Amino acid sequence: MRHLLRMAGHSGRTNMHARNLAIVWAPNLLRSRDIEASGFNGTAAFMEVRVQSIVVEFILTHVEQLF
């Protein structure tokens, strides 16, 4: 998480601020085999990724307090 926070610090050049990093990394960091096994697709899959990205963004914006 601290590494991703450092990456977000370069968002002026990379446009990879906390929200974009969360969108990219959330499905891997918060992967759920139960969800994969249930065959989420379409709207359900989108909503799950959205929730995951919100959680990862929150963690990234509060790294110092959490870790």
PDB file of N, CA and C in Angstrom:
ATOM      1  N   MET A   1       0.816  -1.190   0.000  1.00  0.00           N
ATOM      2  CA  MET A   1       0.000   0.000   0.000  1.00  0.00           C
ATOM      3  C   MET A   1       0.862   1.257   0.000  1.00  0.00           C
ATOM      4  N   ARG A   2       1.959   1.194   0.750  1.00  0.00           N
ATOM      5  CA  ARG A   2       2.844   2.371   0.759  1.00  0.00           C
ATOM      6  C   ARG A   2       3.453   2.610  -0.622  1.00  0.00           C
ATOM      7  N   HIS A   3       3.747   1.538  -1.334  1.00  0.00           N
ATOM      8  CA  HIS A   3       4.283   1.691  -2.688  1.00  0.00           C
ATOM      9  C   HIS A   3       3.235   2.349  -3.591  1.00  0.00           C
ATOM     10  N   LEU A   4       1.992   1.898  -3.505  1.00  0.00           N
ATOM     11  CA  LEU A   4       0.944   2.517  -4.312  1.00  0.00           C
ATOM     12  C   LEU A   4       0.747   3.974  -3.924  1.00  0.00           C
ATOM     13  N   LEU A   5       0.894   4.279  -2.659  1.00  0.00           N
ATOM     14  CA  LEU A   5       0.805   5.665  -2.218  1.00  0.00           C
ATOM     15  C   LEU A   5       1.931   6.495  -2.835  1.00  0.00           C
ATOM     16  N   ARG A   6       3.140   5.930  -2.892  1.00  0.00           N
ATOM     17  CA  ARG A   6       4.250   6.638  -3.552  1.00  0.00           C
ATOM     18  C   ARG A   6       3.939   6.859  -5.028  1.00  0.00           C
ATOM     19  N   MET A   7       3.336   5.847  -5.650  1.00  0.00           N
ATOM     20  CA  MET A   7       2.963   5.999  -7.062  1.00  0.00           C
ATOM     21  C   MET A   7       1.932   7.118  -7.227  1.00  0.00           C
ATOM     22  N   ALA A   8       0.980   7.198  -6.316  1.00  0.00           N
ATOM     23  CA  ALA A   8      -0.027   8.257  -6.371  1.00  0.00           C
ATOM     24  C   ALA A   8       0.620   9.631  -6.221  1.00  0.00           C
ATOM     25  N   GLY A   9       1.752   9.687  -5.526  1.00  0.00           N
ATOM     26  CA  GLY A   9       2.477  10.942  -5.367  1.00  0.00           C
ATOM     27  C   GLY A   9       3.023  11.492  -6.673  1.00  0.00           C
ATOM     28  N   HIS A  10       3.102  10.646  -7.685  1.00  0.00           N
ATOM     29  CA  HIS A  10       3.579  11.060  -9.012  1.00  0.00           C
ATOM     30  C   HIS A  10       2.419  11.266  -9.986  1.00  0.00           C
ATOM     31  N   SER A  11       1.227  11.428  -9.459  1.00  0.00           N
ATOM     32  CA  SER A  11       0.036  11.508 -10.314  1.00  0.00           C
ATOM     33  C   SER A  11       0.061  12.701 -11.264  1.00  0.00           C
ATOM     34  N   GLY A  12       0.807  13.719 -10.931  1.00  0.00           N
ATOM     35  CA  GLY A  12       0.919  14.867 -11.831  1.00  0.00           C
ATOM     36  C   GLY A  12       1.510  14.500 -13.172  1.00  0.00           C
ATOM     37  N   ARG A  13       2.406  13.528 -13.162  1.00  0.00           N
ATOM     38  CA  ARG A  13       3.038  13.070 -14.404  1.00  0.00           C
ATOM     39  C   ARG A  13       2.353  11.841 -14.991  1.00  0.00           C
ATOM     40  N   THR A  14       1.794  11.003 -14.121  1.00  0.00           N
ATOM     41  CA  THR A  14       1.274   9.717 -14.586  1.00  0.00           C
ATOM     42  C   THR A  14      -0.249   9.649 -14.672  1.00  0.00           C
ATOM     43  N   ASN A  15      -0.936  10.589 -14.039  1.00  0.00           N
ATOM     44  CA  ASN A  15      -2.392  10.597 -13.928  1.00  0.00           C
ATOM     45  C   ASN A  15      -2.918   9.360 -13.193  1.00  0.00           C
ATOM     46  N   MET A  16      -2.057   8.731 -12.410  1.00  0.00           N
ATOM     47  CA  MET A  16      -2.466   7.571 -11.625  1.00  0.00           C
ATOM     48  C   MET A  16      -2.591   7.995 -10.163  1.00  0.00           C
ATOM     49  N   HIS A  17      -3.631   8.759  -9.885  1.00  0.00           N
ATOM     50  CA  HIS A  17      -3.899   9.177  -8.517  1.00  0.00           C
ATOM     51  C   HIS A  17      -4.558   8.013  -7.778  1.00  0.00           C
ATOM     52  N   ALA A  18      -4.878   8.196  -6.524  1.00  0.00           N
ATOM     53  CA  ALA A  18      -5.393   7.103  -5.685  1.00  0.00           C
ATOM     54  C   ALA A  18      -6.607   6.417  -6.310  1.00  0.00           C
ATOM     55  N   ARG A  19      -7.511   7.169  -6.882  1.00  0.00           N
ATOM     56  CA  ARG A  19      -8.716   6.560  -7.467  1.00  0.00           C
ATOM     57  C   ARG A  19      -8.366   5.660  -8.645  1.00  0.00           C
ATOM     58  N   ASN A  20      -7.519   6.115  -9.541  1.00  0.00           N
ATOM     59  CA  ASN A  20      -7.141   5.285 -10.692  1.00  0.00           C
ATOM     60  C   ASN A  20      -6.369   4.047 -10.249  1.00  0.00           C
ATOM     61  N   LEU A  21      -5.471   4.212  -9.296  1.00  0.00           N
ATOM     62  CA  LEU A  21      -4.731   3.054  -8.782  1.00  0.00           C
ATOM     63  C   LEU A  21      -5.686   2.061  -8.133  1.00  0.00           C
ATOM     64  N   ALA A  22      -6.668   2.563  -7.422  1.00  0.00           N
ATOM     65  CA  ALA A  22      -7.643   1.681  -6.783  1.00  0.00           C
ATOM     66  C   ALA A  22      -8.444   0.899  -7.814  1.00  0.00           C
ATOM     67  N   ILE A  23      -8.848   1.548  -8.879  1.00  0.00           N
ATOM     68  CA  ILE A  23      -9.612   0.867  -9.928  1.00  0.00           C
ATOM     69  C   ILE A  23      -8.790  -0.262 -10.544  1.00  0.00           C
ATOM     70  N   VAL A  24      -7.515   0.004 -10.773  1.00  0.00           N
ATOM     71  CA  VAL A  24      -6.651  -0.986 -11.399  1.00  0.00           C
ATOM     72  C   VAL A  24      -6.310  -2.128 -10.447  1.00  0.00           C
ATOM     73  N   TRP A  25      -5.994  -1.819  -9.211  1.00  0.00           N
ATOM     74  CA  TRP A  25      -5.489  -2.824  -8.270  1.00  0.00           C
ATOM     75  C   TRP A  25      -6.550  -3.524  -7.440  1.00  0.00           C
ATOM     76  N   ALA A  26      -7.690  -2.931  -7.251  1.00  0.00           N
ATOM     77  CA  ALA A  26      -8.709  -3.497  -6.353  1.00  0.00           C
ATOM     78  C   ALA A  26      -9.111  -4.937  -6.692  1.00  0.00           C
ATOM     79  N   PRO A  27      -9.370  -5.266  -7.948  1.00  0.00           N
ATOM     80  CA  PRO A  27      -9.781  -6.651  -8.227  1.00  0.00           C
ATOM     81  C   PRO A  27      -8.724  -7.694  -7.849  1.00  0.00           C
ATOM     82  N   ASN A  28      -7.468  -7.307  -7.863  1.00  0.00           N
ATOM     83  CA  ASN A  28      -6.408  -8.239  -7.467  1.00  0.00           C
ATOM     84  C   ASN A  28      -6.187  -8.251  -5.962  1.00  0.00           C
ATOM     85  N   LEU A  29      -6.262  -7.092  -5.342  1.00  0.00           N
ATOM     86  CA  LEU A  29      -6.020  -7.007  -3.903  1.00  0.00           C
ATOM     87  C   LEU A  29      -7.174  -7.581  -3.088  1.00  0.00           C
ATOM     88  N   LEU A  30      -8.381  -7.443  -3.582  1.00  0.00           N
ATOM     89  CA  LEU A  30      -9.556  -7.897  -2.839  1.00  0.00           C
ATOM     90  C   LEU A  30     -10.283  -9.020  -3.578  1.00  0.00           C
ATOM     91  N   ARG A  31      -9.538  -9.843  -4.223  1.00  0.00           N
ATOM     92  CA  ARG A  31     -10.099 -10.934  -5.014  1.00  0.00           C
ATOM     93  C   ARG A  31     -10.893 -11.895  -4.132  1.00  0.00           C
ATOM     94  N   SER A  32     -12.045 -12.311  -4.630  1.00  0.00           N
ATOM     95  CA  SER A  32     -12.912 -13.225  -3.889  1.00  0.00           C
ATOM     96  C   SER A  32     -13.220 -14.443  -4.751  1.00  0.00           C
ATOM     97  N   ARG A  33     -12.773 -15.580  -4.317  1.00  0.00           N
ATOM     98  CA  ARG A  33     -13.054 -16.810  -5.070  1.00  0.00           C
ATOM     99  C   ARG A  33     -14.532 -17.158  -5.019  1.00  0.00           C
ATOM    100  N   ASP A  34     -15.204 -16.796  -3.929  1.00  0.00           N
ATOM    101  CA  ASP A  34     -16.647 -17.052  -3.836  1.00  0.00           C
ATOM    102  C   ASP A  34     -17.398 -16.292  -4.925  1.00  0.00           C
ATOM    103  N   ILE A  35     -16.988 -15.060  -5.148  1.00  0.00           N
ATOM    104  CA  ILE A  35     -17.639 -14.237  -6.168  1.00  0.00           C
ATOM    105  C   ILE A  35     -17.345 -14.798  -7.548  1.00  0.00           C
ATOM    106  N   GLU A  36     -16.110 -15.194  -7.786  1.00  0.00           N
ATOM    107  CA  GLU A  36     -15.755 -15.789  -9.073  1.00  0.00           C
ATOM    108  C   GLU A  36     -16.528 -17.071  -9.315  1.00  0.00           C
ATOM    109  N   ALA A  37     -16.674 -17.886  -8.281  1.00  0.00           N
ATOM    110  CA  ALA A  37     -17.367 -19.164  -8.407  1.00  0.00           C
ATOM    111  C   ALA A  37     -18.860 -18.971  -8.676  1.00  0.00           C
ATOM    112  N   SER A  38     -19.430 -17.882  -8.168  1.00  0.00           N
ATOM    113  CA  SER A  38     -20.860 -17.652  -8.357  1.00  0.00           C
ATOM    114  C   SER A  38     -21.177 -17.141  -9.756  1.00  0.00           C
ATOM    115  N   GLY A  39     -20.155 -16.799 -10.511  1.00  0.00           N
ATOM    116  CA  GLY A  39     -20.363 -16.381 -11.896  1.00  0.00           C
ATOM    117  C   GLY A  39     -20.925 -14.983 -12.054  1.00  0.00           C
ATOM    118  N   PHE A  40     -20.497 -14.050 -11.202  1.00  0.00           N
ATOM    119  CA  PHE A  40     -20.942 -12.658 -11.352  1.00  0.00           C
ATOM    120  C   PHE A  40     -20.641 -12.187 -12.764  1.00  0.00           C
ATOM    121  N   ASN A  41     -21.587 -11.514 -13.373  1.00  0.00           N
ATOM    122  CA  ASN A  41     -21.337 -10.901 -14.670  1.00  0.00           C
ATOM    123  C   ASN A  41     -22.218  -9.672 -14.799  1.00  0.00           C
ATOM    124  N   GLY A  42     -21.967  -8.879 -15.783  1.00  0.00           N
ATOM    125  CA  GLY A  42     -22.782  -7.700 -16.027  1.00  0.00           C
ATOM    126  C   GLY A  42     -22.788  -6.720 -14.872  1.00  0.00           C
ATOM    127  N   THR A  43     -23.965  -6.297 -14.487  1.00  0.00           N
ATOM    128  CA  THR A  43     -24.139  -5.277 -13.461  1.00  0.00           C
ATOM    129  C   THR A  43     -23.595  -5.717 -12.114  1.00  0.00           C
ATOM    130  N   ALA A  44     -23.800  -6.970 -11.735  1.00  0.00           N
ATOM    131  CA  ALA A  44     -23.323  -7.462 -10.445  1.00  0.00           C
ATOM    132  C   ALA A  44     -21.805  -7.393 -10.371  1.00  0.00           C
ATOM    133  N   ALA A  45     -21.137  -7.782 -11.438  1.00  0.00           N
ATOM    134  CA  ALA A  45     -19.670  -7.728 -11.469  1.00  0.00           C
ATOM    135  C   ALA A  45     -19.194  -6.286 -11.385  1.00  0.00           C
ATOM    136  N   PHE A  46     -19.843  -5.390 -12.110  1.00  0.00           N
ATOM    137  CA  PHE A  46     -19.470  -3.977 -12.075  1.00  0.00           C
ATOM    138  C   PHE A  46     -19.619  -3.414 -10.666  1.00  0.00           C
ATOM    139  N   MET A  47     -20.714  -3.733 -10.007  1.00  0.00           N
ATOM    140  CA  MET A  47     -20.951  -3.223  -8.657  1.00  0.00           C
ATOM    141  C   MET A  47     -19.909  -3.764  -7.682  1.00  0.00           C
ATOM    142  N   GLU A  48     -19.532  -5.014  -7.831  1.00  0.00           N
ATOM    143  CA  GLU A  48     -18.529  -5.603  -6.943  1.00  0.00           C
ATOM    144  C   GLU A  48     -17.183  -4.910  -7.125  1.00  0.00           C
ATOM    145  N   VAL A  49     -16.773  -4.691  -8.355  1.00  0.00           N
ATOM    146  CA  VAL A  49     -15.501  -4.003  -8.618  1.00  0.00           C
ATOM    147  C   VAL A  49     -15.572  -2.577  -8.093  1.00  0.00           C
ATOM    148  N   ARG A  50     -16.714  -1.951  -8.200  1.00  0.00           N
ATOM    149  CA  ARG A  50     -16.880  -0.581  -7.695  1.00  0.00           C
ATOM    150  C   ARG A  50     -16.670  -0.534  -6.180  1.00  0.00           C
ATOM    151  N   VAL A  51     -17.265  -1.478  -5.470  1.00  0.00           N
ATOM    152  CA  VAL A  51     -17.105  -1.533  -4.016  1.00  0.00           C
ATOM    153  C   VAL A  51     -15.642  -1.802  -3.668  1.00  0.00           C
ATOM    154  N   GLN A  52     -15.025  -2.729  -4.371  1.00  0.00           N
ATOM    155  CA  GLN A  52     -13.615  -3.037  -4.124  1.00  0.00           C
ATOM    156  C   GLN A  52     -12.749  -1.794  -4.335  1.00  0.00           C
ATOM    157  N   SER A  53     -12.996  -1.062  -5.402  1.00  0.00           N
ATOM    158  CA  SER A  53     -12.168   0.113  -5.687  1.00  0.00           C
ATOM    159  C   SER A  53     -12.367   1.201  -4.635  1.00  0.00           C
ATOM    160  N   ILE A  54     -13.575   1.347  -4.117  1.00  0.00           N
ATOM    161  CA  ILE A  54     -13.828   2.333  -3.058  1.00  0.00           C
ATOM    162  C   ILE A  54     -13.039   1.962  -1.806  1.00  0.00           C
ATOM    163  N   VAL A  55     -13.028   0.687  -1.463  1.00  0.00           N
ATOM    164  CA  VAL A  55     -12.290   0.235  -0.279  1.00  0.00           C
ATOM    165  C   VAL A  55     -10.795   0.478  -0.460  1.00  0.00           C
ATOM    166  N   VAL A  56     -10.253   0.120  -1.609  1.00  0.00           N
ATOM    167  CA  VAL A  56      -8.816   0.314  -1.844  1.00  0.00           C
ATOM    168  C   VAL A  56      -8.475   1.796  -1.871  1.00  0.00           C
ATOM    169  N   GLU A  57      -9.316   2.610  -2.460  1.00  0.00           N
ATOM    170  CA  GLU A  57      -9.061   4.057  -2.459  1.00  0.00           C
ATOM    171  C   GLU A  57      -9.039   4.592  -1.028  1.00  0.00           C
ATOM    172  N   PHE A  58      -9.974   4.146  -0.197  1.00  0.00           N
ATOM    173  CA  PHE A  58      -9.996   4.561   1.204  1.00  0.00           C
ATOM    174  C   PHE A  58      -8.695   4.165   1.894  1.00  0.00           C
ATOM    175  N   ILE A  59      -8.260   2.940   1.679  1.00  0.00           N
ATOM    176  CA  ILE A  59      -7.012   2.475   2.297  1.00  0.00           C
ATOM    177  C   ILE A  59      -5.842   3.325   1.826  1.00  0.00           C
ATOM    178  N   LEU A  60      -5.785   3.606   0.526  1.00  0.00           N
ATOM    179  CA  LEU A  60      -4.678   4.412  -0.002  1.00  0.00           C
ATOM    180  C   LEU A  60      -4.665   5.820   0.570  1.00  0.00           C
ATOM    181  N   THR A  61      -5.826   6.394   0.784  1.00  0.00           N
ATOM    182  CA  THR A  61      -5.862   7.759   1.311  1.00  0.00           C
ATOM    183  C   THR A  61      -5.664   7.810   2.821  1.00  0.00           C
ATOM    184  N   HIS A  62      -5.635   6.647   3.470  1.00  0.00           N
ATOM    185  CA  HIS A  62      -5.438   6.590   4.918  1.00  0.00           C
ATOM    186  C   HIS A  62      -4.325   5.629   5.316  1.00  0.00           C
ATOM    187  N   VAL A  63      -3.332   5.451   4.447  1.00  0.00           N
ATOM    188  CA  VAL A  63      -2.238   4.506   4.706  1.00  0.00           C
ATOM    189  C   VAL A  63      -1.547   4.807   6.032  1.00  0.00           C
ATOM    190  N   GLU A  64      -1.232   6.046   6.272  1.00  0.00           N
ATOM    191  CA  GLU A  64      -0.488   6.403   7.482  1.00  0.00           C
ATOM    192  C   GLU A  64      -1.260   6.068   8.755  1.00  0.00           C
ATOM    193  N   GLN A  65      -2.563   6.263   8.739  1.00  0.00           N
ATOM    194  CA  GLN A  65      -3.365   5.965   9.918  1.00  0.00           C
ATOM    195  C   GLN A  65      -3.581   4.464  10.104  1.00  0.00           C
ATOM    196  N   LEU A  66      -3.668   3.730   8.998  1.00  0.00           N
ATOM    197  CA  LEU A  66      -3.974   2.307   9.062  1.00  0.00           C
ATOM    198  C   LEU A  66      -2.753   1.418   9.305  1.00  0.00           C
ATOM    199  N   PHE A  67      -1.605   1.845   8.752  1.00  0.00           N
ATOM    200  CA  PHE A  67      -0.421   0.985   8.840  1.00  0.00           C
ATOM    201  C   PHE A  67       0.664   1.686   9.636  1.00  0.00           C
TER     202      PHE A  67
END
